[in-house]
């Protein structure tokens, strides 16, 4: 509903709902709504539930196939230029030198992820409550992006000068 999934709009309710994979049609199949929670709704959760039910009361389902719509483009289709514009308009700084180098796009995207600190190294996974060992496969240190990208030269086929230019 709107530009965001209900599970993101109401995360407290989504965390305690019984059937997380239920479809909208399943939920709307009966009155009251076909939703069960693992706990009794009290306090803020009850207030959120009432707000959600009021929001859903004005919703109608129609037969047909679903469509993906990219809201950042006038005709609703995704194009890279609209994504770039969306990033720039929302304050994400995208250095031009990354995108004008003569390397494959997937390599450019990898370097962008590297610069943003989004590579799923063990330290990043641990921040997301991953329970595995944080030890690097090559040494006993904790695995980090910095360590894998810049300390182990034999893992990366690109010279460090190139990496410094790209990131």
C-alpha atoms as a PDB file:
ATOM      1  CA  UNK A   1       0.000   0.000   0.000  1.00  0.00           C
ATOM      2  CA  UNK A   2       1.488   3.271  -1.066  1.00  0.00           C
ATOM      3  CA  UNK A   3       5.152   3.033  -1.985  1.00  0.00           C
ATOM      4  CA  UNK A   4       6.104   0.564   0.737  1.00  0.00           C
ATOM      5  CA  UNK A   5       5.199  -3.001   1.695  1.00  0.00           C
ATOM      6  CA  UNK A   6       2.934  -3.426   4.725  1.00  0.00           C
ATOM      7  CA  UNK A   7       5.586  -5.485   6.508  1.00  0.00           C
ATOM      8  CA  UNK A   8       7.847  -2.406   6.347  1.00  0.00           C
ATOM      9  CA  UNK A   9       5.093  -0.004   7.363  1.00  0.00           C
ATOM     10  CA  UNK A  10       4.048  -2.175  10.332  1.00  0.00           C
ATOM     11  CA  UNK A  11       7.170  -4.131  11.379  1.00  0.00           C
ATOM     12  CA  UNK A  12       5.942  -4.696  14.969  1.00  0.00           C
ATOM     13  CA  UNK A  13       2.835  -6.478  13.680  1.00  0.00           C
ATOM     14  CA  UNK A  14       4.716  -8.400  11.004  1.00  0.00           C
ATOM     15  CA  UNK A  15       7.139  -9.769  13.614  1.00  0.00           C
ATOM     16  CA  UNK A  16       4.317 -11.445  15.567  1.00  0.00           C
ATOM     17  CA  UNK A  17       1.943 -12.481  12.760  1.00  0.00           C
ATOM     18  CA  UNK A  18       1.319 -16.226  12.538  1.00  0.00           C
ATOM     19  CA  UNK A  19       1.454 -16.743   8.748  1.00  0.00           C
ATOM     20  CA  UNK A  20       4.062 -14.425   7.238  1.00  0.00           C
ATOM     21  CA  UNK A  21       3.565 -15.910   3.749  1.00  0.00           C
ATOM     22  CA  UNK A  22      -0.222 -15.344   3.612  1.00  0.00           C
ATOM     23  CA  UNK A  23      -1.455 -13.590   0.488  1.00  0.00           C
ATOM     24  CA  UNK A  24      -3.616 -10.492   0.528  1.00  0.00           C
ATOM     25  CA  UNK A  25      -6.462 -12.541  -0.985  1.00  0.00           C
ATOM     26  CA  UNK A  26      -6.198 -15.062   1.902  1.00  0.00           C
ATOM     27  CA  UNK A  27      -6.352 -12.289   4.481  1.00  0.00           C
ATOM     28  CA  UNK A  28      -9.346 -10.649   2.785  1.00  0.00           C
ATOM     29  CA  UNK A  29     -11.195 -14.000   2.417  1.00  0.00           C
ATOM     30  CA  UNK A  30     -13.215 -13.539   5.616  1.00  0.00           C
ATOM     31  CA  UNK A  31     -14.649 -10.867   7.841  1.00  0.00           C
ATOM     32  CA  UNK A  32     -12.993 -10.137  10.265  1.00  0.00           C
ATOM     33  CA  UNK A  33      -9.681 -10.327   8.420  1.00  0.00           C
ATOM     34  CA  UNK A  34      -8.072 -13.759   8.339  1.00  0.00           C
ATOM     35  CA  UNK A  35      -4.969 -12.859  10.402  1.00  0.00           C
ATOM     36  CA  UNK A  36      -3.687 -14.509  13.553  1.00  0.00           C
ATOM     37  CA  UNK A  37      -0.941 -13.270  15.830  1.00  0.00           C
ATOM     38  CA  UNK A  38       1.371 -15.273  18.088  1.00  0.00           C
ATOM     39  CA  UNK A  39       0.535 -12.970  21.011  1.00  0.00           C
ATOM     40  CA  UNK A  40      -2.396 -10.877  22.142  1.00  0.00           C
ATOM     41  CA  UNK A  41      -2.323  -7.356  20.738  1.00  0.00           C
ATOM     42  CA  UNK A  42      -2.035  -4.742  23.470  1.00  0.00           C
ATOM     43  CA  UNK A  43      -0.808  -1.155  23.712  1.00  0.00           C
ATOM     44  CA  UNK A  44       0.975   0.213  20.647  1.00  0.00           C
ATOM     45  CA  UNK A  45       0.503  -3.014  18.687  1.00  0.00           C
ATOM     46  CA  UNK A  46      -3.258  -2.816  19.130  1.00  0.00           C
ATOM     47  CA  UNK A  47      -3.214   0.830  18.009  1.00  0.00           C
ATOM     48  CA  UNK A  48      -1.150  -0.132  14.924  1.00  0.00           C
ATOM     49  CA  UNK A  49      -3.536  -3.007  14.129  1.00  0.00           C
ATOM     50  CA  UNK A  50      -6.551  -0.688  14.268  1.00  0.00           C
ATOM     51  CA  UNK A  51      -4.768   1.818  12.019  1.00  0.00           C
ATOM     52  CA  UNK A  52      -3.920  -0.968   9.540  1.00  0.00           C
ATOM     53  CA  UNK A  53      -7.507  -2.302   9.507  1.00  0.00           C
ATOM     54  CA  UNK A  54      -8.811   1.227   8.886  1.00  0.00           C
ATOM     55  CA  UNK A  55      -6.337   1.597   6.009  1.00  0.00           C
ATOM     56  CA  UNK A  56      -7.393  -1.768   4.522  1.00  0.00           C
ATOM     57  CA  UNK A  57     -11.100  -0.959   4.809  1.00  0.00           C
ATOM     58  CA  UNK A  58     -10.778   1.281   1.756  1.00  0.00           C
ATOM     59  CA  UNK A  59      -8.963  -1.346  -0.328  1.00  0.00           C
ATOM     60  CA  UNK A  60     -10.541  -3.462  -3.050  1.00  0.00           C
ATOM     61  CA  UNK A  61      -8.977  -6.415  -4.836  1.00  0.00           C
ATOM     62  CA  UNK A  62      -9.430  -6.976  -8.551  1.00  0.00           C
ATOM     63  CA  UNK A  63      -8.897 -10.106 -10.632  1.00  0.00           C
ATOM     64  CA  UNK A  64      -5.935  -9.947 -12.959  1.00  0.00           C
ATOM     65  CA  UNK A  65      -2.191 -10.154 -13.009  1.00  0.00           C
ATOM     66  CA  UNK A  66       0.013  -7.990 -10.837  1.00  0.00           C
ATOM     67  CA  UNK A  67       2.332  -5.470 -12.426  1.00  0.00           C
ATOM     68  CA  UNK A  68       5.618  -4.085 -11.249  1.00  0.00           C
ATOM     69  CA  UNK A  69       5.657  -0.298 -11.435  1.00  0.00           C
ATOM     70  CA  UNK A  70       8.821   1.778 -11.063  1.00  0.00           C
ATOM     71  CA  UNK A  71       7.569   4.991  -9.457  1.00  0.00           C
ATOM     72  CA  UNK A  72      10.719   6.953 -10.379  1.00  0.00           C
ATOM     73  CA  UNK A  73       9.856   6.839 -14.086  1.00  0.00           C
ATOM     74  CA  UNK A  74       6.785   8.482 -15.638  1.00  0.00           C
ATOM     75  CA  UNK A  75       5.722   5.402 -17.613  1.00  0.00           C
ATOM     76  CA  UNK A  76       6.363   3.014 -14.698  1.00  0.00           C
ATOM     77  CA  UNK A  77       9.163   1.014 -16.324  1.00  0.00           C
ATOM     78  CA  UNK A  78      12.618   0.695 -14.813  1.00  0.00           C
ATOM     79  CA  UNK A  79      15.535   2.334 -16.579  1.00  0.00           C
ATOM     80  CA  UNK A  80      19.004   2.864 -15.153  1.00  0.00           C
ATOM     81  CA  UNK A  81      18.849   6.622 -15.795  1.00  0.00           C
ATOM     82  CA  UNK A  82      15.782   6.943 -13.527  1.00  0.00           C
ATOM     83  CA  UNK A  83      17.550   4.957 -10.792  1.00  0.00           C
ATOM     84  CA  UNK A  84      20.600   7.200 -11.083  1.00  0.00           C
ATOM     85  CA  UNK A  85      18.367  10.299 -10.877  1.00  0.00           C
ATOM     86  CA  UNK A  86      16.593   8.812  -7.842  1.00  0.00           C
ATOM     87  CA  UNK A  87      19.933   8.218  -6.075  1.00  0.00           C
ATOM     88  CA  UNK A  88      21.188  11.736  -6.813  1.00  0.00           C
ATOM     89  CA  UNK A  89      17.892  13.358  -5.750  1.00  0.00           C
ATOM     90  CA  UNK A  90      18.009  11.481  -2.422  1.00  0.00           C
ATOM     91  CA  UNK A  91      21.487  12.654  -1.485  1.00  0.00           C
ATOM     92  CA  UNK A  92      23.518   9.612  -2.557  1.00  0.00           C
ATOM     93  CA  UNK A  93      26.815  10.870  -3.940  1.00  0.00           C
ATOM     94  CA  UNK A  94      27.891   8.840  -6.959  1.00  0.00           C
ATOM     95  CA  UNK A  95      31.391   9.875  -8.065  1.00  0.00           C
ATOM     96  CA  UNK A  96      31.557  10.148 -11.840  1.00  0.00           C
ATOM     97  CA  UNK A  97      35.023   8.601 -12.158  1.00  0.00           C
ATOM     98  CA  UNK A  98      33.644   5.203 -11.052  1.00  0.00           C
ATOM     99  CA  UNK A  99      31.218   5.034 -13.936  1.00  0.00           C
ATOM    100  CA  UNK A 100      33.406   6.399 -16.757  1.00  0.00           C
ATOM    101  CA  UNK A 101      36.247   3.893 -16.432  1.00  0.00           C
ATOM    102  CA  UNK A 102      36.562   1.349 -19.230  1.00  0.00           C
ATOM    103  CA  UNK A 103      35.802  -1.788 -17.193  1.00  0.00           C
ATOM    104  CA  UNK A 104      32.778  -4.129 -17.184  1.00  0.00           C
ATOM    105  CA  UNK A 105      29.656  -2.789 -15.461  1.00  0.00           C
ATOM    106  CA  UNK A 106      29.576  -5.629 -12.919  1.00  0.00           C
ATOM    107  CA  UNK A 107      33.102  -4.637 -11.861  1.00  0.00           C
ATOM    108  CA  UNK A 108      32.039  -0.995 -11.503  1.00  0.00           C
ATOM    109  CA  UNK A 109      29.056  -2.060  -9.383  1.00  0.00           C
ATOM    110  CA  UNK A 110      31.318  -4.274  -7.237  1.00  0.00           C
ATOM    111  CA  UNK A 111      33.667  -1.335  -6.598  1.00  0.00           C
ATOM    112  CA  UNK A 112      30.702   0.872  -5.716  1.00  0.00           C
ATOM    113  CA  UNK A 113      29.510  -1.766  -3.196  1.00  0.00           C
ATOM    114  CA  UNK A 114      33.085  -1.981  -1.880  1.00  0.00           C
ATOM    115  CA  UNK A 115      33.228   1.785  -1.372  1.00  0.00           C
ATOM    116  CA  UNK A 116      29.838   1.822   0.372  1.00  0.00           C
ATOM    117  CA  UNK A 117      30.949  -1.007   2.705  1.00  0.00           C
ATOM    118  CA  UNK A 118      28.177  -3.322   1.521  1.00  0.00           C
ATOM    119  CA  UNK A 119      30.211  -6.421   0.671  1.00  0.00           C
ATOM    120  CA  UNK A 120      28.999  -9.315   2.849  1.00  0.00           C
ATOM    121  CA  UNK A 121      32.198 -10.028   4.682  1.00  0.00           C
ATOM    122  CA  UNK A 122      31.962 -11.795   8.021  1.00  0.00           C
ATOM    123  CA  UNK A 123      32.052  -8.546  10.012  1.00  0.00           C
ATOM    124  CA  UNK A 124      29.075  -7.190   8.030  1.00  0.00           C
ATOM    125  CA  UNK A 125      27.206 -10.484   8.449  1.00  0.00           C
ATOM    126  CA  UNK A 126      27.833 -10.381  12.211  1.00  0.00           C
ATOM    127  CA  UNK A 127      26.237  -6.917  12.348  1.00  0.00           C
ATOM    128  CA  UNK A 128      23.151  -8.585  10.858  1.00  0.00           C
ATOM    129  CA  UNK A 129      23.085 -11.109  13.725  1.00  0.00           C
ATOM    130  CA  UNK A 130      24.874 -13.912  11.841  1.00  0.00           C
ATOM    131  CA  UNK A 131      26.205 -16.450  14.346  1.00  0.00           C
ATOM    132  CA  UNK A 132      29.143 -17.923  12.371  1.00  0.00           C
ATOM    133  CA  UNK A 133      32.840 -17.498  13.011  1.00  0.00           C
ATOM    134  CA  UNK A 134      34.261 -14.089  12.112  1.00  0.00           C
ATOM    135  CA  UNK A 135      37.740 -15.528  11.574  1.00  0.00           C
ATOM    136  CA  UNK A 136      39.239 -15.003   8.133  1.00  0.00           C
ATOM    137  CA  UNK A 137      39.859 -18.145   6.042  1.00  0.00           C
ATOM    138  CA  UNK A 138      43.438 -16.995   5.335  1.00  0.00           C
ATOM    139  CA  UNK A 139      44.527 -15.898   8.805  1.00  0.00           C
ATOM    140  CA  UNK A 140      43.221 -15.662  12.362  1.00  0.00           C
ATOM    141  CA  UNK A 141      42.128 -12.002  12.175  1.00  0.00           C
ATOM    142  CA  UNK A 142      38.477 -10.976  11.971  1.00  0.00           C
ATOM    143  CA  UNK A 143      37.422 -10.790   8.319  1.00  0.00           C
ATOM    144  CA  UNK A 144      36.690  -7.248   7.087  1.00  0.00           C
ATOM    145  CA  UNK A 145      36.272  -5.550   3.708  1.00  0.00           C
ATOM    146  CA  UNK A 146      39.499  -3.606   4.279  1.00  0.00           C
ATOM    147  CA  UNK A 147      41.422  -6.772   5.028  1.00  0.00           C
ATOM    148  CA  UNK A 148      40.154  -8.826   2.064  1.00  0.00           C
ATOM    149  CA  UNK A 149      40.309  -5.989  -0.449  1.00  0.00           C
ATOM    150  CA  UNK A 150      43.607  -4.363   0.407  1.00  0.00           C
ATOM    151  CA  UNK A 151      45.711  -6.639   2.642  1.00  0.00           C
ATOM    152  CA  UNK A 152      45.547  -9.844   0.571  1.00  0.00           C
ATOM    153  CA  UNK A 153      47.016  -8.719  -2.747  1.00  0.00           C
ATOM    154  CA  UNK A 154      46.915 -12.200  -4.263  1.00  0.00           C
ATOM    155  CA  UNK A 155      43.085 -12.298  -3.969  1.00  0.00           C
ATOM    156  CA  UNK A 156      42.515  -9.219  -6.110  1.00  0.00           C
ATOM    157  CA  UNK A 157      43.547  -9.249  -9.783  1.00  0.00           C
ATOM    158  CA  UNK A 158      43.657  -5.414  -9.926  1.00  0.00           C
ATOM    159  CA  UNK A 159      46.635  -3.344  -8.796  1.00  0.00           C
ATOM    160  CA  UNK A 160      46.111  -1.194  -5.702  1.00  0.00           C
ATOM    161  CA  UNK A 161      46.568   2.016  -7.698  1.00  0.00           C
ATOM    162  CA  UNK A 162      43.565   1.010  -9.796  1.00  0.00           C
ATOM    163  CA  UNK A 163      41.519   0.225  -6.688  1.00  0.00           C
ATOM    164  CA  UNK A 164      42.398   3.580  -5.163  1.00  0.00           C
ATOM    165  CA  UNK A 165      41.292   5.318  -8.387  1.00  0.00           C
ATOM    166  CA  UNK A 166      37.973   3.439  -8.516  1.00  0.00           C
ATOM    167  CA  UNK A 167      37.044   3.729  -4.864  1.00  0.00           C
END
